[in-house]
C-alpha atoms as a PDB file:
ATOM      1  CA  MET A   1     -34.129  -8.791  -4.149  1.00  0.00           C
ATOM      2  CA  ALA A   2     -31.790  -7.470  -7.020  1.00  0.00           C
ATOM      3  CA  GLY A   3     -31.829  -3.736  -7.337  1.00  0.00           C
ATOM      4  CA  LEU A   4     -30.517  -0.710  -9.290  1.00  0.00           C
ATOM      5  CA  VAL A   5     -29.913   1.635  -6.028  1.00  0.00           C
ATOM      6  CA  PRO A   6     -28.646   5.048  -5.728  1.00  0.00           C
ATOM      7  CA  ALA A   7     -25.209   4.495  -4.185  1.00  0.00           C
ATOM      8  CA  MET A   8     -25.116   7.828  -2.209  1.00  0.00           C
ATOM      9  CA  THR A   9     -26.128   7.182   1.350  1.00  0.00           C
ATOM     10  CA  VAL A  10     -25.848   4.192   3.299  1.00  0.00           C
ATOM     11  CA  PHE A  11     -27.554   2.123   6.061  1.00  0.00           C
ATOM     12  CA  ARG A  12     -26.489  -0.843   7.872  1.00  0.00           C
ATOM     13  CA  LEU A  13     -27.406  -4.205   6.496  1.00  0.00           C
ATOM     14  CA  GLU A  14     -29.833  -5.872   8.590  1.00  0.00           C
ATOM     15  CA  LYS A  15     -31.797  -9.243   8.146  1.00  0.00           C
ATOM     16  CA  ARG A  16     -33.911 -11.491   5.630  1.00  0.00           C
ATOM     17  CA  LEU A  17     -31.539 -13.897   4.054  1.00  0.00           C
ATOM     18  CA  ASP A  18     -34.293 -15.575   2.405  1.00  0.00           C
ATOM     19  CA  ALA A  19     -34.906 -12.401   0.385  1.00  0.00           C
ATOM     20  CA  ARG A  20     -31.871 -13.040  -1.767  1.00  0.00           C
ATOM     21  CA  HIS A  21     -33.010 -16.573  -2.319  1.00  0.00           C
ATOM     22  CA  LYS A  22     -36.286 -15.093  -3.712  1.00  0.00           C
ATOM     23  CA  ALA A  23     -34.132 -12.955  -5.928  1.00  0.00           C
ATOM     24  CA  GLY A  24     -32.456 -15.968  -7.588  1.00  0.00           C
ATOM     25  CA  HIS A  25     -29.020 -15.764  -5.676  1.00  0.00           C
ATOM     26  CA  ASP A  26     -27.656 -18.482  -3.397  1.00  0.00           C
ATOM     27  CA  GLU A  27     -26.194 -18.135   0.057  1.00  0.00           C
ATOM     28  CA  LYS A  28     -22.883 -16.853  -1.047  1.00  0.00           C
ATOM     29  CA  GLY A  29     -24.433 -13.966  -3.059  1.00  0.00           C
ATOM     30  CA  ARG A  30     -23.961 -15.743  -6.594  1.00  0.00           C
ATOM     31  CA  THR A  31     -26.686 -15.720  -9.036  1.00  0.00           C
ATOM     32  CA  SER A  32     -28.633 -18.775  -9.676  1.00  0.00           C
ATOM     33  CA  SER A  33     -30.381 -20.072 -13.010  1.00  0.00           C
ATOM     34  CA  ALA A  34     -33.474 -18.161 -12.038  1.00  0.00           C
ATOM     35  CA  PRO A  35     -35.061 -16.419 -14.928  1.00  0.00           C
ATOM     36  CA  HIS A  36     -34.311 -12.683 -15.348  1.00  0.00           C
ATOM     37  CA  GLY A  37     -36.502 -10.247 -17.237  1.00  0.00           C
ATOM     38  CA  PRO A  38     -38.261  -6.859 -16.826  1.00  0.00           C
ATOM     39  CA  SER A  39     -40.293  -8.243 -13.819  1.00  0.00           C
ATOM     40  CA  ALA A  40     -37.273  -7.985 -11.635  1.00  0.00           C
ATOM     41  CA  SER A  41     -37.313  -5.657  -8.655  1.00  0.00           C
ATOM     42  CA  LEU A  42     -34.916  -3.270  -7.539  1.00  0.00           C
ATOM     43  CA  VAL A  43     -35.209  -3.436  -3.856  1.00  0.00           C
ATOM     44  CA  TRP A  44     -31.704  -4.105  -2.360  1.00  0.00           C
ATOM     45  CA  PRO A  45     -31.372  -7.594  -0.508  1.00  0.00           C
ATOM     46  CA  THR A  46     -30.661  -6.529   3.221  1.00  0.00           C
ATOM     47  CA  GLN A  47     -28.713  -9.384   4.834  1.00  0.00           C
ATOM     48  CA  ARG A  48     -25.664  -8.947   6.637  1.00  0.00           C
ATOM     49  CA  GLN A  49     -24.575 -12.511   6.475  1.00  0.00           C
ATOM     50  CA  THR A  50     -23.621 -12.328   2.816  1.00  0.00           C
ATOM     51  CA  LEU A  51     -20.800  -9.931   3.161  1.00  0.00           C
ATOM     52  CA  LYS A  52     -17.213 -11.034   3.979  1.00  0.00           C
ATOM     53  CA  PRO A  53     -16.172  -9.231   7.212  1.00  0.00           C
ATOM     54  CA  ALA A  54     -12.595  -9.169   5.908  1.00  0.00           C
ATOM     55  CA  GLN A  55     -13.573  -6.604   3.394  1.00  0.00           C
ATOM     56  CA  GLY A  56     -14.545  -4.096   6.277  1.00  0.00           C
ATOM     57  CA  THR A  57     -18.183  -3.922   4.727  1.00  0.00           C
ATOM     58  CA  ALA A  58     -20.137  -6.047   7.301  1.00  0.00           C
ATOM     59  CA  ASP A  59     -21.654  -2.775   8.391  1.00  0.00           C
ATOM     60  CA  ARG A  60     -22.063  -1.253   5.197  1.00  0.00           C
ATOM     61  CA  GLY A  61     -25.291  -1.180   3.042  1.00  0.00           C
ATOM     62  CA  VAL A  62     -26.779   0.454   0.278  1.00  0.00           C
ATOM     63  CA  VAL A  63     -29.162   3.309   0.197  1.00  0.00           C
ATOM     64  CA  ALA A  64     -32.777   2.767   0.787  1.00  0.00           C
ATOM     65  CA  ASP A  65     -34.346   5.852  -0.811  1.00  0.00           C
ATOM     66  CA  ALA A  66     -35.761   6.046  -4.242  1.00  0.00           C
ATOM     67  CA  PRO A  67     -34.805   2.557  -5.860  1.00  0.00           C
ATOM     68  CA  SER A  68     -35.606   2.403  -9.319  1.00  0.00           C
ATOM     69  CA  ASP A  69     -38.026  -0.289 -10.219  1.00  0.00           C
ATOM     70  CA  LEU A  70     -37.391  -2.256 -13.436  1.00  0.00           C
ATOM     71  CA  SER A  71     -40.777  -3.237 -13.832  1.00  0.00           C
ATOM     72  CA  ALA A  72     -41.811   0.279 -14.444  1.00  0.00           C
ATOM     73  CA  ALA A  73     -40.587   1.988 -17.877  1.00  0.00           C
ATOM     74  CA  ALA A  74     -37.577   4.108 -17.623  1.00  0.00           C
ATOM     75  CA  GLN A  75     -37.663   7.991 -18.248  1.00  0.00           C
ATOM     76  CA  ARG A  76     -35.800   8.536 -21.490  1.00  0.00           C
ATOM     77  CA  ASN A  77     -33.383  10.955 -19.881  1.00  0.00           C
ATOM     78  CA  LEU A  78     -31.526   8.923 -17.275  1.00  0.00           C
ATOM     79  CA  THR A  79     -29.819  12.004 -15.757  1.00  0.00           C
ATOM     80  CA  HIS A  80     -32.520  12.135 -13.226  1.00  0.00           C
ATOM     81  CA  LEU A  81     -31.179   9.033 -11.487  1.00  0.00           C
ATOM     82  CA  PHE A  82     -28.254  10.724  -9.911  1.00  0.00           C
ATOM     83  CA  ALA A  83     -28.053  13.289  -6.830  1.00  0.00           C
ATOM     84  CA  VAL A  84     -26.169  15.811  -8.936  1.00  0.00           C
ATOM     85  CA  PRO A  85     -26.385  17.071 -12.482  1.00  0.00           C
ATOM     86  CA  VAL A  86     -24.618  14.789 -15.074  1.00  0.00           C
ATOM     87  CA  ARG A  87     -24.264  15.450 -18.834  1.00  0.00           C
ATOM     88  CA  GLU A  88     -24.453  11.883 -19.977  1.00  0.00           C
ATOM     89  CA  VAL A  89     -24.681   8.212 -18.621  1.00  0.00           C
ATOM     90  CA  TRP A  90     -22.068   5.441 -19.003  1.00  0.00           C
ATOM     91  CA  LEU A  91     -22.857   1.743 -18.090  1.00  0.00           C
ATOM     92  CA  GLU A  92     -20.507  -1.011 -17.033  1.00  0.00           C
ATOM     93  CA  ILE A  93     -21.250  -4.641 -17.195  1.00  0.00           C
ATOM     94  CA  GLY A  94     -19.704  -6.847 -14.575  1.00  0.00           C
ATOM     95  CA  PHE A  95     -17.714  -4.199 -12.367  1.00  0.00           C
ATOM     96  CA  GLY A  96     -16.162  -6.958 -10.146  1.00  0.00           C
ATOM     97  CA  SER A  97     -14.916  -4.948  -7.038  1.00  0.00           C
ATOM     98  CA  GLY A  98     -15.636  -1.586  -8.686  1.00  0.00           C
ATOM     99  CA  GLU A  99     -12.018  -0.418  -9.219  1.00  0.00           C
ATOM    100  CA  HIS A 100     -12.710   0.827 -12.914  1.00  0.00           C
ATOM    101  CA  LEU A 101     -15.861   2.160 -11.999  1.00  0.00           C
ATOM    102  CA  LEU A 102     -14.507   4.400  -9.137  1.00  0.00           C
ATOM    103  CA  TRP A 103     -11.606   5.536 -11.431  1.00  0.00           C
ATOM    104  CA  GLN A 104     -13.996   6.768 -13.913  1.00  0.00           C
ATOM    105  CA  ALA A 105     -16.154   8.342 -11.520  1.00  0.00           C
ATOM    106  CA  GLU A 106     -13.557  10.333  -9.707  1.00  0.00           C
ATOM    107  CA  ARG A 107     -12.148  11.502 -13.149  1.00  0.00           C
ATOM    108  CA  ASN A 108     -15.490  12.212 -14.880  1.00  0.00           C
ATOM    109  CA  PRO A 109     -17.513  14.179 -12.090  1.00  0.00           C
ATOM    110  CA  ASP A 110     -19.959  15.004 -14.726  1.00  0.00           C
ATOM    111  CA  ILE A 111     -20.811  11.703 -15.865  1.00  0.00           C
ATOM    112  CA  GLY A 112     -23.580   9.292 -14.306  1.00  0.00           C
ATOM    113  CA  LEU A 113     -22.438   5.733 -14.050  1.00  0.00           C
ATOM    114  CA  ILE A 114     -24.791   2.457 -13.685  1.00  0.00           C
ATOM    115  CA  GLY A 115     -22.700  -0.659 -12.689  1.00  0.00           C
ATOM    116  CA  CYS A 116     -24.134  -4.273 -12.798  1.00  0.00           C
ATOM    117  CA  GLU A 117     -22.601  -7.050 -10.793  1.00  0.00           C
ATOM    118  CA  PRO A 118     -24.164 -10.274  -9.568  1.00  0.00           C
ATOM    119  CA  PHE A 119     -21.778 -11.050  -6.794  1.00  0.00           C
ATOM    120  CA  ILE A 120     -22.509  -9.475  -3.521  1.00  0.00           C
ATOM    121  CA  ASN A 121     -19.065  -9.256  -2.048  1.00  0.00           C
ATOM    122  CA  GLY A 122     -17.959  -7.085  -5.017  1.00  0.00           C
ATOM    123  CA  VAL A 123     -20.862  -4.736  -4.658  1.00  0.00           C
ATOM    124  CA  ALA A 124     -20.306  -4.454  -0.956  1.00  0.00           C
ATOM    125  CA  THR A 125     -16.770  -3.663  -1.748  1.00  0.00           C
ATOM    126  CA  LEU A 126     -17.717  -0.887  -4.150  1.00  0.00           C
ATOM    127  CA  LEU A 127     -20.540   0.600  -2.010  1.00  0.00           C
ATOM    128  CA  GLY A 128     -17.790   1.064   0.831  1.00  0.00           C
ATOM    129  CA  ALA A 129     -15.508   2.859  -1.499  1.00  0.00           C
ATOM    130  CA  ILE A 130     -18.432   4.992  -2.673  1.00  0.00           C
ATOM    131  CA  GLU A 131     -19.387   5.891   0.826  1.00  0.00           C
ATOM    132  CA  ASP A 132     -15.681   6.625   1.853  1.00  0.00           C
ATOM    133  CA  ARG A 133     -15.244   8.922  -1.182  1.00  0.00           C
ATOM    134  CA  ASP A 134     -18.743  10.717  -1.067  1.00  0.00           C
ATOM    135  CA  LEU A 135     -19.389   9.870  -4.605  1.00  0.00           C
ATOM    136  CA  LYS A 136     -22.867  10.659  -5.829  1.00  0.00           C
ATOM    137  CA  THR A 137     -22.839   9.749  -9.550  1.00  0.00           C
ATOM    138  CA  ILE A 138     -22.885   5.933  -9.227  1.00  0.00           C
ATOM    139  CA  ARG A 139     -26.055   3.721  -9.376  1.00  0.00           C
ATOM    140  CA  VAL A 140     -25.655  -0.009  -8.522  1.00  0.00           C
ATOM    141  CA  HIS A 141     -27.595  -3.025  -9.951  1.00  0.00           C
ATOM    142  CA  ASP A 142     -26.880  -6.251  -8.088  1.00  0.00           C
ATOM    143  CA  GLY A 143     -28.057  -8.773 -10.382  1.00  0.00           C
ATOM    144  CA  ASP A 144     -28.270  -9.730 -13.978  1.00  0.00           C
ATOM    145  CA  ALA A 145     -27.320  -7.052 -16.200  1.00  0.00           C
ATOM    146  CA  ARG A 146     -29.792  -8.232 -18.924  1.00  0.00           C
ATOM    147  CA  ASP A 147     -32.393  -7.002 -16.670  1.00  0.00           C
ATOM    148  CA  VAL A 148     -30.907  -3.455 -16.774  1.00  0.00           C
ATOM    149  CA  LEU A 149     -30.356  -3.428 -20.501  1.00  0.00           C
ATOM    150  CA  ALA A 150     -34.216  -4.561 -20.968  1.00  0.00           C
ATOM    151  CA  TRP A 151     -35.310  -1.617 -18.810  1.00  0.00           C
ATOM    152  CA  LEU A 152     -33.047   1.137 -20.602  1.00  0.00           C
ATOM    153  CA  PRO A 153     -34.606   3.320 -22.958  1.00  0.00           C
ATOM    154  CA  ASP A 154     -33.264   3.616 -26.759  1.00  0.00           C
ATOM    155  CA  SER A 155     -30.101   5.614 -27.241  1.00  0.00           C
ATOM    156  CA  ALA A 156     -29.783   6.320 -23.441  1.00  0.00           C
ATOM    157  CA  ILE A 157     -25.933   5.181 -22.864  1.00  0.00           C
ATOM    158  CA  ALA A 158     -23.111   7.185 -24.297  1.00  0.00           C
ATOM    159  CA  ARG A 159     -20.520   4.459 -23.175  1.00  0.00           C
ATOM    160  CA  VAL A 160     -20.487   0.677 -22.347  1.00  0.00           C
ATOM    161  CA  PHE A 161     -17.593  -1.153 -20.508  1.00  0.00           C
ATOM    162  CA  ILE A 162     -17.415  -4.910 -20.691  1.00  0.00           C
ATOM    163  CA  LEU A 163     -14.010  -5.560 -18.899  1.00  0.00           C
ATOM    164  CA  PHE A 164     -12.526  -9.182 -18.832  1.00  0.00           C
ATOM    165  CA  PRO A 165     -15.794 -11.062 -18.593  1.00  0.00           C
ATOM    166  CA  ASP A 166     -15.619 -14.854 -17.569  1.00  0.00           C
ATOM    167  CA  PRO A 167     -14.454 -16.356 -20.955  1.00  0.00           C
ATOM    168  CA  TRP A 168     -16.185 -19.795 -20.179  1.00  0.00           C
ATOM    169  CA  PRO A 169     -13.315 -21.252 -22.259  1.00  0.00           C
ATOM    170  CA  LYS A 170     -14.724 -25.037 -22.087  1.00  0.00           C
ATOM    171  CA  LYS A 171     -16.810 -26.170 -25.135  1.00  0.00           C
ATOM    172  CA  LYS A 172     -19.851 -26.964 -23.056  1.00  0.00           C
ATOM    173  CA  GLN A 173     -19.619 -23.708 -21.326  1.00  0.00           C
ATOM    174  CA  LEU A 174     -19.590 -21.529 -24.501  1.00  0.00           C
ATOM    175  CA  LYS A 175     -23.397 -20.840 -24.234  1.00  0.00           C
ATOM    176  CA  ARG A 176     -22.891 -19.161 -20.846  1.00  0.00           C
ATOM    177  CA  ARG A 177     -20.710 -16.320 -22.278  1.00  0.00           C
ATOM    178  CA  LEU A 178     -21.869 -12.741 -21.713  1.00  0.00           C
ATOM    179  CA  ILE A 179     -21.338 -11.691 -25.131  1.00  0.00           C
ATOM    180  CA  SER A 180     -24.085 -13.270 -27.712  1.00  0.00           C
ATOM    181  CA  GLU A 181     -26.001 -11.867 -30.694  1.00  0.00           C
ATOM    182  CA  ASP A 182     -28.825 -10.942 -28.397  1.00  0.00           C
ATOM    183  CA  LEU A 183     -26.696  -8.923 -25.955  1.00  0.00           C
ATOM    184  CA  VAL A 184     -25.040  -6.845 -28.950  1.00  0.00           C
ATOM    185  CA  ARG A 185     -28.424  -6.385 -30.246  1.00  0.00           C
ATOM    186  CA  GLU A 186     -29.634  -4.965 -27.054  1.00  0.00           C
ATOM    187  CA  LEU A 187     -26.282  -2.937 -26.751  1.00  0.00           C
ATOM    188  CA  ALA A 188     -27.008  -1.343 -29.972  1.00  0.00           C
ATOM    189  CA  ARG A 189     -30.414  -0.565 -29.032  1.00  0.00           C
ATOM    190  CA  ILE A 190     -29.606   1.290 -25.706  1.00  0.00           C
ATOM    191  CA  MET A 191     -26.449   3.002 -27.054  1.00  0.00           C
ATOM    192  CA  ALA A 192     -26.768   6.628 -28.542  1.00  0.00           C
ATOM    193  CA  PRO A 193     -25.262   7.212 -32.084  1.00  0.00           C
ATOM    194  CA  GLY A 194     -21.373   7.869 -31.584  1.00  0.00           C
ATOM    195  CA  ALA A 195     -21.297   5.973 -28.304  1.00  0.00           C
ATOM    196  CA  GLU A 196     -18.410   4.097 -27.422  1.00  0.00           C
ATOM    197  CA  LEU A 197     -18.345   0.306 -26.615  1.00  0.00           C
ATOM    198  CA  ARG A 198     -15.035  -0.766 -24.635  1.00  0.00           C
ATOM    199  CA  PHE A 199     -13.994  -4.479 -24.136  1.00  0.00           C
ATOM    200  CA  ALA A 200     -11.099  -6.275 -22.799  1.00  0.00           C
ATOM    201  CA  SER A 201     -10.169  -9.921 -22.178  1.00  0.00           C
ATOM    202  CA  ASP A 202      -7.215 -12.015 -21.859  1.00  0.00           C
ATOM    203  CA  ASP A 203      -8.713 -14.826 -23.785  1.00  0.00           C
ATOM    204  CA  SER A 204      -7.938 -14.738 -27.380  1.00  0.00           C
ATOM    205  CA  ASP A 205     -10.750 -17.017 -28.310  1.00  0.00           C
ATOM    206  CA  TYR A 206     -13.280 -14.983 -26.412  1.00  0.00           C
ATOM    207  CA  ALA A 207     -11.855 -11.644 -28.020  1.00  0.00           C
ATOM    208  CA  ASP A 208     -12.396 -13.341 -31.587  1.00  0.00           C
ATOM    209  CA  HIS A 209     -15.659 -14.236 -30.530  1.00  0.00           C
ATOM    210  CA  THR A 210     -16.622 -11.051 -29.491  1.00  0.00           C
ATOM    211  CA  ILE A 211     -15.392  -9.308 -32.539  1.00  0.00           C
ATOM    212  CA  GLY A 212     -17.423 -11.643 -34.852  1.00  0.00           C
ATOM    213  CA  ALA A 213     -20.527 -11.132 -32.751  1.00  0.00           C
ATOM    214  CA  ILE A 214     -20.176  -7.126 -33.043  1.00  0.00           C
ATOM    215  CA  THR A 215     -18.906  -7.305 -36.568  1.00  0.00           C
ATOM    216  CA  ALA A 216     -22.133  -9.382 -37.657  1.00  0.00           C
ATOM    217  CA  SER A 217     -24.371  -6.821 -35.988  1.00  0.00           C
ATOM    218  CA  GLU A 218     -23.420  -4.060 -38.556  1.00  0.00           C
ATOM    219  CA  ALA A 219     -24.490  -1.527 -35.681  1.00  0.00           C
ATOM    220  CA  PHE A 220     -20.591  -0.772 -34.916  1.00  0.00           C
ATOM    221  CA  ALA A 221     -17.580   0.693 -36.441  1.00  0.00           C
ATOM    222  CA  PRO A 222     -14.443  -0.716 -35.121  1.00  0.00           C
ATOM    223  CA  GLN A 223     -12.208   1.975 -33.427  1.00  0.00           C
ATOM    224  CA  THR A 224      -9.030   0.479 -31.446  1.00  0.00           C
ATOM    225  CA  ALA A 225      -7.570  -2.997 -31.083  1.00  0.00           C
ATOM    226  CA  SER A 226      -4.555  -3.073 -28.965  1.00  0.00           C
ATOM    227  CA  ASP A 227      -2.498  -4.987 -26.459  1.00  0.00           C
ATOM    228  CA  ARG A 228      -1.555  -1.784 -24.636  1.00  0.00           C
ATOM    229  CA  ARG A 229      -4.078  -0.238 -22.352  1.00  0.00           C
ATOM    230  CA  PRO A 230      -5.163   3.321 -23.271  1.00  0.00           C
ATOM    231  CA  ASP A 231      -4.384   6.040 -20.548  1.00  0.00           C
ATOM    232  CA  ASP A 232      -8.092   6.676 -19.766  1.00  0.00           C
ATOM    233  CA  TRP A 233      -8.359   2.938 -19.176  1.00  0.00           C
ATOM    234  CA  PRO A 234      -7.285   1.766 -15.620  1.00  0.00           C
ATOM    235  CA  GLU A 235      -5.786  -1.330 -14.665  1.00  0.00           C
ATOM    236  CA  THR A 236      -8.080  -3.584 -12.822  1.00  0.00           C
ATOM    237  CA  ARG A 237      -7.137  -6.664 -10.549  1.00  0.00           C
ATOM    238  CA  TYR A 238      -8.377  -9.137 -13.434  1.00  0.00           C
ATOM    239  CA  GLU A 239      -5.806  -7.522 -15.908  1.00  0.00           C
ATOM    240  CA  ARG A 240      -2.928  -7.891 -12.953  1.00  0.00           C
ATOM    241  CA  LYS A 241      -3.785 -11.485 -12.629  1.00  0.00           C
ATOM    242  CA  ALA A 242      -3.761 -12.119 -16.262  1.00  0.00           C
ATOM    243  CA  LEU A 243      -0.373 -10.663 -16.722  1.00  0.00           C
ATOM    244  CA  ARG A 244       1.024 -12.487 -13.608  1.00  0.00           C
ATOM    245  CA  GLU A 245       0.080 -15.725 -15.106  1.00  0.00           C
ATOM    246  CA  GLY A 246       1.379 -14.701 -18.536  1.00  0.00           C
ATOM    247  CA  ARG A 247      -1.779 -13.918 -20.576  1.00  0.00           C
ATOM    248  CA  LYS A 248      -1.528 -10.842 -22.553  1.00  0.00           C
ATOM    249  CA  PRO A 249      -4.842  -8.789 -22.550  1.00  0.00           C
ATOM    250  CA  VAL A 250      -6.339  -7.284 -25.760  1.00  0.00           C
ATOM    251  CA  TYR A 251      -8.404  -3.957 -25.522  1.00  0.00           C
ATOM    252  CA  LEU A 252     -10.935  -3.415 -28.186  1.00  0.00           C
ATOM    253  CA  SER A 253     -13.358  -0.449 -28.592  1.00  0.00           C
ATOM    254  CA  TRP A 254     -16.150   0.273 -31.047  1.00  0.00           C
ATOM    255  CA  ARG A 255     -18.355   3.425 -31.974  1.00  0.00           C
ATOM    256  CA  ARG A 256     -22.276   2.921 -32.458  1.00  0.00           C
ATOM    257  CA  LEU A 257     -23.135   3.919 -35.958  1.00  0.00           C
END
């Protein structure tokens, strides 16, 4: 079942394909319409069949020790989640294959990072890279980020990244967009005063939608809006794809009031 697992030591993936079905995922590792909520478990799904051998991760898995159960109350100070001392915790929602998360972890060794991603192949790629680089400051949730948001205590996160989320551009798809009034309300709750929210998109309509939702919350002050990526904001494969296809990304940031 979906989980927030310590991505520090790794063991081989084994069996029980049905575990992911029970967790609300299909056989390709995609989330289904199963309900999310604080009852979600944080035990990692252990089935070799969901990983793509071409990624070189078929024999990689996730750590079994000390998973964090989302049904139990989180401690107010999240630094205990990590194997080494960290001064604050950042959150990335939808990390894809983890390029940005890895970049931040390597350049900020005193920061704890929580990454959320529902797609098993992206999670497997990230875990393999974490093992190769021996990183000890990343925790992973292989499911709906809203489960983690509901679990996090108030004012616990110092920075949030939402980079190139699916824009769901068709009118009938708009309700599936990640950014909503409810999500912004939860972000305001879990982010500490002065915390930074970073957002990027190559869809101008989604960017406008996001600006509107965040402005309406009155919980954030705008910081930057640019079509040039800041130096401490690494390129991702989604950005490269957008540029190849002629779409110019926009980079936005806000400060929690």
